[in-house]
């Protein structure tokens, strides 16, 4: 799935190496690692890979960053969630991750969410 984060109308980069132990980097991309979690990133594109059943909160737990309905990383305010361009209500942390989804989280000002993402092959 692809994850985009916006705070105060600015992009927040989803970093390389979330959930990767002992990453070997080349040009800012993970090319090898000692181990990895069930959720991981290999570059700063926002593509989040996962195995099995995972929820959005799991991305932030593995990353070690705060996330709830009133906080996204170090930013405070109402957090809005969009999946494939449509606004979703409820507890965003409980959203089940699905392959191919485009997820956008926003706090602060509004940025029109992208409805899709062209995944690399």
Foldseek 3Di string as FASTA:
>chain_A
DFEWEAEQNDTDWDAAWQQFAAFDDDPQFGPDGPDGDQWHHGHRRRDIHGDDKAAPLVSCVSNVADDWQQDDGPGGAGKWKDKLQHTDDDTRRGHIDDPQIYMYIYGHDDDRGHNGDDDDD
